[in-house]
N, C-alpha and C. Protein backbone atom coordinates (compact mmCIF):
# COMPACT_ATOMS: atom_id res chain seq x y z
N MET A 1 0.85 -1.18 0.00
CA MET A 1 0.00 0.00 0.00
C MET A 1 0.90 1.24 0.00
N LYS A 2 0.52 2.22 -0.78
CA LYS A 2 1.36 3.41 -0.85
C LYS A 2 1.29 4.21 0.44
N ASN A 3 2.18 5.17 0.56
CA ASN A 3 2.27 5.99 1.75
C ASN A 3 1.12 6.99 1.81
N LEU A 4 0.30 6.90 2.84
CA LEU A 4 -0.87 7.78 2.97
C LEU A 4 -0.64 8.94 3.93
N THR A 5 0.51 9.02 4.56
CA THR A 5 0.70 10.03 5.60
C THR A 5 0.52 11.46 5.09
N GLY A 6 0.88 11.73 3.86
CA GLY A 6 0.75 13.08 3.32
C GLY A 6 -0.63 13.37 2.75
N LEU A 7 -1.37 12.33 2.38
CA LEU A 7 -2.70 12.56 1.83
C LEU A 7 -3.66 13.04 2.91
N TRP A 8 -3.50 12.50 4.10
CA TRP A 8 -4.33 12.90 5.24
C TRP A 8 -3.40 13.16 6.43
N CYS A 9 -2.74 14.32 6.41
CA CYS A 9 -1.78 14.67 7.46
C CYS A 9 -2.43 14.67 8.84
N ASN A 10 -3.69 15.11 8.91
CA ASN A 10 -4.38 15.16 10.20
C ASN A 10 -4.61 13.75 10.75
N VAL A 11 -4.85 12.77 9.88
CA VAL A 11 -5.00 11.39 10.34
C VAL A 11 -3.64 10.86 10.81
N ALA A 12 -2.58 11.21 10.09
CA ALA A 12 -1.25 10.77 10.49
C ALA A 12 -0.89 11.33 11.87
N ARG A 13 -1.26 12.58 12.13
CA ARG A 13 -0.99 13.18 13.45
C ARG A 13 -1.83 12.49 14.52
N ALA A 14 -3.09 12.23 14.24
CA ALA A 14 -3.94 11.52 15.20
C ALA A 14 -3.40 10.12 15.47
N TYR A 15 -2.91 9.48 14.43
CA TYR A 15 -2.31 8.15 14.55
C TYR A 15 -1.13 8.18 15.52
N GLU A 16 -0.29 9.17 15.36
CA GLU A 16 0.88 9.33 16.22
C GLU A 16 0.46 9.51 17.69
N ILE A 17 -0.52 10.36 17.92
CA ILE A 17 -1.02 10.62 19.27
C ILE A 17 -1.71 9.37 19.83
N ALA A 18 -2.49 8.70 18.98
CA ALA A 18 -3.19 7.49 19.41
C ALA A 18 -2.22 6.38 19.79
N LEU A 19 -1.14 6.23 19.04
CA LEU A 19 -0.13 5.22 19.37
C LEU A 19 0.49 5.46 20.74
N LEU A 20 0.87 6.70 20.99
CA LEU A 20 1.54 7.02 22.25
C LEU A 20 0.56 7.01 23.42
N GLY A 21 -0.64 7.54 23.21
CA GLY A 21 -1.59 7.68 24.31
C GLY A 21 -2.61 6.56 24.44
N ASN A 22 -2.49 5.53 23.60
CA ASN A 22 -3.45 4.41 23.60
C ASN A 22 -4.89 4.88 23.35
N TYR A 23 -5.05 5.74 22.38
CA TYR A 23 -6.37 6.23 21.98
C TYR A 23 -6.83 5.47 20.74
N SER A 24 -8.10 5.61 20.45
CA SER A 24 -8.62 5.17 19.17
C SER A 24 -8.87 6.42 18.33
N ILE A 25 -9.20 6.21 17.06
CA ILE A 25 -9.46 7.33 16.15
C ILE A 25 -10.86 7.18 15.60
N GLN A 26 -11.58 8.29 15.58
CA GLN A 26 -12.91 8.34 14.99
C GLN A 26 -12.83 9.21 13.74
N VAL A 27 -13.11 8.64 12.59
CA VAL A 27 -13.04 9.38 11.34
C VAL A 27 -14.44 9.87 10.97
N VAL A 28 -14.52 11.14 10.60
CA VAL A 28 -15.77 11.72 10.13
C VAL A 28 -15.50 12.40 8.79
N PHE A 29 -16.55 12.61 8.03
CA PHE A 29 -16.41 13.36 6.78
C PHE A 29 -17.74 13.99 6.41
N ASP A 30 -17.66 14.99 5.56
CA ASP A 30 -18.84 15.70 5.10
C ASP A 30 -19.68 14.79 4.20
N LYS A 31 -20.98 14.97 4.24
CA LYS A 31 -21.87 14.10 3.45
C LYS A 31 -21.66 14.24 1.95
N THR A 32 -21.01 15.31 1.51
CA THR A 32 -20.75 15.49 0.07
C THR A 32 -19.51 14.72 -0.40
N TYR A 33 -18.75 14.18 0.52
CA TYR A 33 -17.53 13.42 0.19
C TYR A 33 -17.95 11.98 -0.10
N LYS A 34 -18.30 11.73 -1.34
CA LYS A 34 -18.88 10.44 -1.75
C LYS A 34 -17.91 9.27 -1.60
N GLU A 35 -16.61 9.53 -1.71
CA GLU A 35 -15.62 8.45 -1.58
C GLU A 35 -15.21 8.22 -0.13
N GLY A 36 -15.87 8.91 0.79
CA GLY A 36 -15.47 8.88 2.20
C GLY A 36 -15.39 7.49 2.80
N PHE A 37 -16.38 6.65 2.57
CA PHE A 37 -16.36 5.31 3.16
C PHE A 37 -15.23 4.45 2.58
N GLU A 38 -15.03 4.57 1.28
CA GLU A 38 -13.95 3.81 0.63
C GLU A 38 -12.58 4.27 1.13
N ASP A 39 -12.38 5.59 1.20
CA ASP A 39 -11.11 6.12 1.69
C ASP A 39 -10.90 5.76 3.16
N TYR A 40 -11.98 5.75 3.93
CA TYR A 40 -11.89 5.37 5.34
C TYR A 40 -11.36 3.95 5.48
N GLN A 41 -11.83 3.03 4.66
CA GLN A 41 -11.34 1.64 4.73
C GLN A 41 -9.85 1.58 4.40
N THR A 42 -9.42 2.36 3.43
CA THR A 42 -8.00 2.42 3.07
C THR A 42 -7.17 2.97 4.24
N ILE A 43 -7.68 4.00 4.88
CA ILE A 43 -6.99 4.60 6.03
C ILE A 43 -6.87 3.58 7.16
N LYS A 44 -7.96 2.87 7.45
CA LYS A 44 -7.94 1.86 8.52
C LYS A 44 -6.90 0.77 8.24
N GLU A 45 -6.80 0.36 6.99
CA GLU A 45 -5.83 -0.68 6.63
C GLU A 45 -4.40 -0.18 6.76
N PHE A 46 -4.17 1.08 6.39
CA PHE A 46 -2.82 1.64 6.42
C PHE A 46 -2.36 1.91 7.86
N PHE A 47 -3.22 2.53 8.65
CA PHE A 47 -2.89 2.87 10.04
C PHE A 47 -3.44 1.79 10.98
N ASN A 48 -3.14 0.54 10.67
CA ASN A 48 -3.78 -0.58 11.35
C ASN A 48 -3.29 -0.86 12.76
N GLU A 49 -2.31 -0.13 13.26
CA GLU A 49 -1.81 -0.36 14.62
C GLU A 49 -2.69 0.28 15.69
N VAL A 50 -3.64 1.12 15.29
CA VAL A 50 -4.54 1.73 16.27
C VAL A 50 -5.98 1.37 15.93
N PRO A 51 -6.85 1.29 16.96
CA PRO A 51 -8.26 1.01 16.67
C PRO A 51 -8.97 2.24 16.12
N PHE A 52 -9.95 1.99 15.28
CA PHE A 52 -10.80 3.05 14.76
C PHE A 52 -12.21 2.76 15.25
N ASN A 53 -12.78 3.68 16.03
CA ASN A 53 -14.15 3.52 16.49
C ASN A 53 -14.71 4.83 17.00
N ILE A 54 -15.98 4.82 17.32
CA ILE A 54 -16.65 6.02 17.82
C ILE A 54 -16.12 6.35 19.20
N GLY A 55 -15.87 7.61 19.44
CA GLY A 55 -15.41 8.06 20.74
C GLY A 55 -13.92 8.31 20.81
N GLY A 56 -13.20 8.03 19.75
CA GLY A 56 -11.76 8.26 19.75
C GLY A 56 -11.43 9.70 19.37
N LEU A 57 -10.16 9.93 19.10
CA LEU A 57 -9.73 11.24 18.62
C LEU A 57 -10.45 11.49 17.30
N GLN A 58 -11.20 12.57 17.23
CA GLN A 58 -12.01 12.82 16.04
C GLN A 58 -11.21 13.53 14.97
N VAL A 59 -11.22 12.95 13.77
CA VAL A 59 -10.49 13.51 12.64
C VAL A 59 -11.42 13.55 11.44
N GLU A 60 -11.48 14.71 10.81
CA GLU A 60 -12.28 14.84 9.60
C GLU A 60 -11.40 14.62 8.38
N ILE A 61 -11.86 13.76 7.47
CA ILE A 61 -11.12 13.57 6.23
C ILE A 61 -11.84 14.29 5.10
N THR A 62 -11.06 14.75 4.15
CA THR A 62 -11.58 15.39 2.94
C THR A 62 -10.93 14.72 1.75
N LYS A 63 -11.46 14.99 0.59
CA LYS A 63 -10.87 14.40 -0.62
C LYS A 63 -9.45 14.90 -0.76
N PRO A 64 -8.48 13.98 -0.85
CA PRO A 64 -7.07 14.40 -0.93
C PRO A 64 -6.69 14.92 -2.31
N ASP A 65 -5.60 15.67 -2.34
CA ASP A 65 -5.03 16.16 -3.59
C ASP A 65 -3.97 15.15 -4.04
N TYR A 66 -4.33 14.33 -5.00
CA TYR A 66 -3.42 13.28 -5.47
C TYR A 66 -2.31 13.83 -6.36
N GLN A 67 -2.41 15.09 -6.74
CA GLN A 67 -1.43 15.69 -7.65
C GLN A 67 -0.21 16.26 -6.93
N GLN A 68 -0.25 16.31 -5.61
CA GLN A 68 0.88 16.86 -4.86
C GLN A 68 2.16 16.09 -5.17
N LYS A 69 3.25 16.80 -5.32
CA LYS A 69 4.54 16.19 -5.62
C LYS A 69 5.47 16.22 -4.40
N THR A 70 4.95 16.58 -3.25
CA THR A 70 5.75 16.69 -2.04
C THR A 70 6.16 15.31 -1.53
N LYS A 71 7.39 15.21 -1.01
CA LYS A 71 7.83 13.98 -0.36
C LYS A 71 7.37 14.02 1.09
N TRP A 72 6.64 13.01 1.50
CA TRP A 72 6.10 12.97 2.85
C TRP A 72 6.91 12.02 3.71
N GLU A 73 6.78 12.24 5.01
CA GLU A 73 7.36 11.26 5.92
C GLU A 73 6.55 9.98 5.80
N ASP A 74 7.10 8.88 6.27
CA ASP A 74 6.35 7.63 6.22
C ASP A 74 6.10 7.13 7.65
N LYS A 75 5.47 5.98 7.75
CA LYS A 75 5.12 5.45 9.07
C LYS A 75 6.34 5.17 9.93
N THR A 76 7.46 4.82 9.32
CA THR A 76 8.66 4.56 10.13
C THR A 76 9.13 5.83 10.84
N ASP A 77 8.97 6.99 10.19
CA ASP A 77 9.31 8.26 10.83
C ASP A 77 8.41 8.50 12.05
N ILE A 78 7.13 8.24 11.87
CA ILE A 78 6.17 8.44 12.96
C ILE A 78 6.47 7.46 14.10
N LEU A 79 6.69 6.20 13.76
CA LEU A 79 6.97 5.19 14.79
C LEU A 79 8.24 5.53 15.56
N ALA A 80 9.25 6.06 14.89
CA ALA A 80 10.49 6.47 15.56
C ALA A 80 10.22 7.60 16.54
N ARG A 81 9.39 8.57 16.14
CA ARG A 81 9.04 9.69 17.02
C ARG A 81 8.28 9.20 18.25
N VAL A 82 7.36 8.27 18.04
CA VAL A 82 6.58 7.72 19.15
C VAL A 82 7.50 6.94 20.10
N HIS A 83 8.41 6.16 19.53
CA HIS A 83 9.36 5.40 20.36
C HIS A 83 10.20 6.35 21.22
N ALA A 84 10.69 7.42 20.62
CA ALA A 84 11.50 8.40 21.37
C ALA A 84 10.66 9.06 22.46
N ALA A 85 9.41 9.36 22.15
CA ALA A 85 8.52 10.01 23.14
C ALA A 85 8.24 9.10 24.32
N LYS A 86 8.16 7.80 24.08
CA LYS A 86 7.91 6.85 25.17
C LYS A 86 9.03 6.85 26.21
N MET A 87 10.20 7.31 25.83
CA MET A 87 11.33 7.37 26.75
C MET A 87 11.26 8.61 27.65
N ARG A 88 10.37 9.54 27.31
CA ARG A 88 10.22 10.77 28.09
C ARG A 88 9.04 10.64 29.06
N GLU A 89 9.07 11.45 30.11
CA GLU A 89 7.97 11.47 31.07
C GLU A 89 6.78 12.21 30.49
N LEU A 90 5.60 11.77 30.90
CA LEU A 90 4.36 12.44 30.51
C LEU A 90 4.22 13.70 31.36
N PRO A 91 4.18 14.88 30.75
CA PRO A 91 4.05 16.10 31.55
C PRO A 91 2.66 16.19 32.20
N THR A 92 2.61 16.82 33.36
CA THR A 92 1.34 16.98 34.07
C THR A 92 1.02 18.45 34.37
N ALA A 93 2.04 19.30 34.38
CA ALA A 93 1.84 20.70 34.75
C ALA A 93 1.63 21.57 33.52
N PHE A 94 0.79 22.60 33.70
CA PHE A 94 0.58 23.59 32.65
C PHE A 94 1.73 24.58 32.68
N LYS A 95 2.15 25.02 31.51
CA LYS A 95 3.25 25.97 31.37
C LYS A 95 2.84 27.37 31.81
N SER A 96 1.55 27.72 31.57
CA SER A 96 1.08 29.06 31.93
C SER A 96 -0.41 29.03 32.26
N SER A 97 -0.89 30.13 32.80
CA SER A 97 -2.32 30.24 33.13
C SER A 97 -3.17 30.29 31.86
N GLY A 98 -2.52 30.53 30.71
CA GLY A 98 -3.25 30.53 29.44
C GLY A 98 -3.89 29.19 29.13
N CYS A 99 -3.29 28.12 29.63
CA CYS A 99 -3.85 26.78 29.42
C CYS A 99 -5.21 26.65 30.10
N ASP A 100 -5.26 27.06 31.36
CA ASP A 100 -6.55 27.03 32.09
C ASP A 100 -7.58 27.92 31.41
N HIS A 101 -7.12 29.11 31.00
CA HIS A 101 -8.04 30.04 30.35
C HIS A 101 -8.61 29.46 29.05
N LEU A 102 -7.75 28.87 28.23
CA LEU A 102 -8.21 28.27 26.98
C LEU A 102 -9.20 27.15 27.24
N LEU A 103 -8.93 26.32 28.23
CA LEU A 103 -9.87 25.24 28.57
C LEU A 103 -11.22 25.79 29.03
N LYS A 104 -11.20 26.86 29.82
CA LYS A 104 -12.46 27.46 30.30
C LYS A 104 -13.26 28.05 29.14
N VAL A 105 -12.57 28.73 28.24
CA VAL A 105 -13.25 29.31 27.07
C VAL A 105 -13.81 28.20 26.18
N ALA A 106 -13.02 27.17 25.93
CA ALA A 106 -13.48 26.05 25.11
C ALA A 106 -14.66 25.34 25.76
N ALA A 107 -14.60 25.15 27.07
CA ALA A 107 -15.69 24.47 27.78
C ALA A 107 -16.99 25.26 27.64
N ALA A 108 -16.90 26.57 27.75
CA ALA A 108 -18.09 27.40 27.64
C ALA A 108 -18.62 27.46 26.21
N ARG A 109 -17.74 27.69 25.26
CA ARG A 109 -18.18 27.86 23.87
C ARG A 109 -18.59 26.56 23.20
N LEU A 110 -17.94 25.45 23.57
CA LEU A 110 -18.23 24.17 22.94
C LEU A 110 -19.12 23.28 23.80
N ASN A 111 -19.53 23.82 24.95
CA ASN A 111 -20.41 23.09 25.85
C ASN A 111 -19.82 21.71 26.21
N LEU A 112 -18.57 21.72 26.66
CA LEU A 112 -17.85 20.50 26.96
C LEU A 112 -18.17 19.97 28.36
N SER A 113 -18.29 18.69 28.48
CA SER A 113 -18.52 18.05 29.77
C SER A 113 -17.21 17.99 30.55
N PHE A 114 -17.31 17.67 31.84
CA PHE A 114 -16.12 17.51 32.66
C PHE A 114 -15.25 16.39 32.11
N ALA A 115 -15.89 15.28 31.71
CA ALA A 115 -15.15 14.15 31.15
C ALA A 115 -14.41 14.54 29.88
N LYS A 116 -15.04 15.35 29.02
CA LYS A 116 -14.41 15.78 27.78
C LYS A 116 -13.21 16.68 28.08
N ILE A 117 -13.35 17.56 29.08
CA ILE A 117 -12.24 18.44 29.46
C ILE A 117 -11.06 17.62 29.98
N GLU A 118 -11.35 16.61 30.79
CA GLU A 118 -10.28 15.75 31.31
C GLU A 118 -9.61 14.97 30.18
N SER A 119 -10.40 14.55 29.20
CA SER A 119 -9.85 13.85 28.04
C SER A 119 -8.95 14.78 27.23
N ILE A 120 -9.35 16.04 27.09
CA ILE A 120 -8.54 17.04 26.39
C ILE A 120 -7.21 17.25 27.12
N LYS A 121 -7.26 17.35 28.45
CA LYS A 121 -6.03 17.52 29.23
C LYS A 121 -5.09 16.33 29.03
N SER A 122 -5.66 15.14 29.07
CA SER A 122 -4.87 13.93 28.89
C SER A 122 -4.23 13.89 27.50
N CYS A 123 -5.00 14.22 26.50
CA CYS A 123 -4.51 14.24 25.12
C CYS A 123 -3.42 15.32 24.96
N ALA A 124 -3.62 16.48 25.57
CA ALA A 124 -2.63 17.56 25.50
C ALA A 124 -1.30 17.13 26.13
N ALA A 125 -1.38 16.35 27.21
CA ALA A 125 -0.16 15.85 27.85
C ALA A 125 0.59 14.91 26.90
N VAL A 126 -0.13 14.07 26.19
CA VAL A 126 0.49 13.16 25.22
C VAL A 126 1.13 13.96 24.08
N ILE A 127 0.44 14.98 23.61
CA ILE A 127 0.99 15.84 22.55
C ILE A 127 2.28 16.51 23.03
N ALA A 128 2.26 17.02 24.27
CA ALA A 128 3.46 17.65 24.84
C ALA A 128 4.60 16.63 24.94
N GLN A 129 4.27 15.41 25.34
CA GLN A 129 5.29 14.36 25.42
C GLN A 129 5.89 14.08 24.04
N LEU A 130 5.04 14.03 23.01
CA LEU A 130 5.54 13.84 21.64
C LEU A 130 6.49 14.96 21.23
N GLU A 131 6.16 16.17 21.65
CA GLU A 131 6.96 17.34 21.28
C GLU A 131 8.22 17.48 22.12
N GLY A 132 8.36 16.64 23.15
CA GLY A 132 9.54 16.73 24.02
C GLY A 132 9.45 17.83 25.05
N SER A 133 8.25 18.31 25.31
CA SER A 133 8.05 19.39 26.28
C SER A 133 7.89 18.82 27.69
N LYS A 134 8.43 19.51 28.67
CA LYS A 134 8.31 19.08 30.06
C LYS A 134 7.01 19.59 30.70
N GLU A 135 6.34 20.53 30.00
CA GLU A 135 5.08 21.09 30.49
C GLU A 135 4.07 21.14 29.35
N ILE A 136 2.80 21.18 29.72
CA ILE A 136 1.72 21.28 28.73
C ILE A 136 1.53 22.76 28.40
N ALA A 137 1.68 23.11 27.13
CA ALA A 137 1.56 24.50 26.69
C ALA A 137 0.20 24.73 26.03
N VAL A 138 -0.11 25.99 25.80
CA VAL A 138 -1.38 26.38 25.19
C VAL A 138 -1.57 25.70 23.84
N GLU A 139 -0.50 25.60 23.05
CA GLU A 139 -0.64 24.99 21.72
C GLU A 139 -0.98 23.49 21.82
N HIS A 140 -0.55 22.85 22.90
CA HIS A 140 -0.90 21.44 23.10
C HIS A 140 -2.38 21.30 23.44
N ILE A 141 -2.87 22.21 24.28
CA ILE A 141 -4.31 22.24 24.62
C ILE A 141 -5.13 22.50 23.36
N ALA A 142 -4.71 23.48 22.56
CA ALA A 142 -5.46 23.83 21.34
C ALA A 142 -5.54 22.65 20.38
N GLU A 143 -4.43 21.94 20.20
CA GLU A 143 -4.45 20.78 19.30
C GLU A 143 -5.35 19.68 19.86
N ALA A 144 -5.29 19.46 21.16
CA ALA A 144 -6.14 18.43 21.78
C ALA A 144 -7.62 18.77 21.64
N ILE A 145 -7.96 20.04 21.75
CA ILE A 145 -9.36 20.46 21.59
C ILE A 145 -9.85 20.10 20.20
N GLN A 146 -9.01 20.30 19.20
CA GLN A 146 -9.42 20.00 17.83
C GLN A 146 -9.77 18.53 17.66
N PHE A 147 -9.12 17.64 18.39
CA PHE A 147 -9.42 16.21 18.28
C PHE A 147 -10.63 15.78 19.10
N HIS A 148 -11.20 16.72 19.86
CA HIS A 148 -12.35 16.41 20.72
C HIS A 148 -13.57 17.27 20.41
N SER A 149 -13.55 17.97 19.30
CA SER A 149 -14.65 18.88 18.95
C SER A 149 -15.54 18.29 17.89
N ASP A 150 -16.83 18.46 18.08
CA ASP A 150 -17.79 18.07 17.06
C ASP A 150 -17.90 19.19 16.04
N ASN A 151 -18.02 18.80 14.78
CA ASN A 151 -18.11 19.80 13.71
C ASN A 151 -19.54 20.02 13.24
N GLY A 152 -20.51 19.56 14.00
CA GLY A 152 -21.89 19.72 13.60
C GLY A 152 -22.38 18.51 12.84
N GLU A 153 -22.91 18.72 11.67
CA GLU A 153 -23.47 17.65 10.85
C GLU A 153 -22.35 16.96 10.08
N GLU A 154 -22.18 15.65 10.33
CA GLU A 154 -21.10 14.92 9.68
C GLU A 154 -21.42 13.44 9.62
N ILE A 155 -20.69 12.73 8.78
CA ILE A 155 -20.84 11.29 8.65
C ILE A 155 -19.82 10.63 9.58
N LEU A 156 -20.28 9.66 10.38
CA LEU A 156 -19.38 8.86 11.22
C LEU A 156 -19.00 7.62 10.42
N ALA A 157 -17.76 7.53 10.01
CA ALA A 157 -17.35 6.47 9.09
C ALA A 157 -17.53 5.08 9.66
N GLU A 158 -17.14 4.85 10.91
CA GLU A 158 -17.17 3.50 11.48
C GLU A 158 -18.58 2.94 11.59
N SER A 159 -19.53 3.77 12.01
CA SER A 159 -20.88 3.26 12.23
C SER A 159 -21.81 3.51 11.04
N LYS A 160 -21.29 4.13 9.98
CA LYS A 160 -22.11 4.48 8.82
C LYS A 160 -23.40 5.15 9.27
N SER A 161 -23.21 6.26 9.99
CA SER A 161 -24.34 7.02 10.50
C SER A 161 -24.04 8.50 10.35
N MET A 162 -25.08 9.31 10.53
CA MET A 162 -24.93 10.76 10.44
C MET A 162 -25.13 11.33 11.83
N LYS A 163 -24.33 12.31 12.18
CA LYS A 163 -24.38 12.91 13.51
C LYS A 163 -24.85 14.35 13.40
N PHE A 164 -25.83 14.68 14.23
CA PHE A 164 -26.32 16.06 14.38
C PHE A 164 -26.17 16.40 15.86
N GLY A 165 -25.08 17.06 16.24
CA GLY A 165 -24.85 17.32 17.66
C GLY A 165 -24.72 16.00 18.40
N ASP A 166 -25.62 15.74 19.35
CA ASP A 166 -25.58 14.50 20.13
C ASP A 166 -26.44 13.39 19.54
N ILE A 167 -27.16 13.68 18.47
CA ILE A 167 -28.07 12.70 17.87
C ILE A 167 -27.34 11.95 16.75
N ILE A 168 -27.40 10.62 16.80
CA ILE A 168 -26.77 9.79 15.77
C ILE A 168 -27.85 8.99 15.07
N ILE A 169 -27.89 9.10 13.73
CA ILE A 169 -28.91 8.43 12.94
C ILE A 169 -28.23 7.46 11.98
N PRO A 170 -28.61 6.16 12.01
CA PRO A 170 -28.03 5.20 11.05
C PRO A 170 -28.27 5.68 9.62
N LEU A 171 -27.28 5.49 8.78
CA LEU A 171 -27.34 6.01 7.42
C LEU A 171 -27.70 4.90 6.43
N THR A 172 -28.83 5.08 5.79
CA THR A 172 -29.23 4.24 4.67
C THR A 172 -29.60 5.20 3.56
N GLU A 173 -29.83 4.68 2.36
CA GLU A 173 -30.24 5.59 1.28
C GLU A 173 -31.51 6.32 1.64
N GLN A 174 -32.47 5.61 2.21
CA GLN A 174 -33.75 6.24 2.56
C GLN A 174 -33.57 7.24 3.68
N SER A 175 -32.78 6.88 4.71
CA SER A 175 -32.62 7.82 5.82
C SER A 175 -31.90 9.08 5.36
N GLU A 176 -30.97 8.95 4.40
CA GLU A 176 -30.28 10.13 3.88
C GLU A 176 -31.27 11.07 3.19
N LEU A 177 -32.21 10.49 2.43
CA LEU A 177 -33.24 11.32 1.79
C LEU A 177 -34.15 11.94 2.85
N ASP A 178 -34.52 11.17 3.86
CA ASP A 178 -35.37 11.69 4.94
C ASP A 178 -34.66 12.81 5.70
N ILE A 179 -33.38 12.62 5.98
CA ILE A 179 -32.61 13.64 6.69
C ILE A 179 -32.53 14.91 5.87
N GLN A 180 -32.26 14.78 4.58
CA GLN A 180 -32.18 15.96 3.72
C GLN A 180 -33.52 16.69 3.68
N ALA A 181 -34.60 15.94 3.60
CA ALA A 181 -35.94 16.55 3.59
C ALA A 181 -36.20 17.27 4.91
N ALA A 182 -35.79 16.67 6.02
CA ALA A 182 -35.97 17.30 7.33
C ALA A 182 -35.16 18.58 7.44
N ILE A 183 -33.94 18.56 6.94
CA ILE A 183 -33.10 19.76 6.97
C ILE A 183 -33.73 20.87 6.15
N GLU A 184 -34.19 20.55 4.96
CA GLU A 184 -34.82 21.56 4.11
C GLU A 184 -36.08 22.12 4.77
N HIS A 185 -36.85 21.25 5.39
CA HIS A 185 -38.06 21.70 6.08
C HIS A 185 -37.71 22.66 7.23
N LEU A 186 -36.72 22.32 8.03
CA LEU A 186 -36.32 23.18 9.14
C LEU A 186 -35.75 24.50 8.64
N GLN A 187 -35.02 24.48 7.54
CA GLN A 187 -34.49 25.72 6.98
C GLN A 187 -35.62 26.63 6.52
N GLU A 188 -36.65 26.05 5.94
CA GLU A 188 -37.83 26.82 5.53
C GLU A 188 -38.53 27.44 6.74
N LEU A 189 -38.65 26.66 7.81
CA LEU A 189 -39.27 27.16 9.03
C LEU A 189 -38.48 28.34 9.60
N LEU A 190 -37.17 28.24 9.57
CA LEU A 190 -36.33 29.32 10.09
C LEU A 190 -36.48 30.58 9.26
N LYS A 191 -36.64 30.42 7.96
CA LYS A 191 -36.81 31.59 7.07
C LYS A 191 -38.11 32.33 7.39
N SER A 192 -39.13 31.60 7.81
CA SER A 192 -40.42 32.22 8.06
C SER A 192 -40.51 32.90 9.43
N CYS A 193 -39.50 32.71 10.28
CA CYS A 193 -39.52 33.33 11.61
C CYS A 193 -39.13 34.78 11.56
């Protein structure tokens, strides 16, 4: 299988974090990305050292640019980085008060639960460990938030379902038509208000 790390850099980064932190990865994609399920299977086969399921580090995939001529790192580079990070201690302290502030703002704006905030802190510590940092910095918190944020309406690749906030609907051809009809109906209602 060819090297996929450059086609989906965000998946490669999640893979690296998942390897070190023993996380799983949850892949989502926009409903207009028709090749999403097929590409998801390819991604699962390539990054097969980590589990893919609902509730893991959330990563959105988009249609890749196959025309890029850039040389990408490969899995051996990632595995070497993870191996080196395992030799370092997992940081527990925040570098500045900005970390607490960012978490408070994210919790309020994204309506995050206590469990989600704790998961973000844990993920940020793993990211800091990968970076060789002795403390968790604001940029580590920010990256961890991105892996724990819902993007609204999206397709959950593993369960072949559509997510609207906290509501998950199994995806079939008929349900997709029903969902689209419901969205259009609600949009019409909003216009009339």
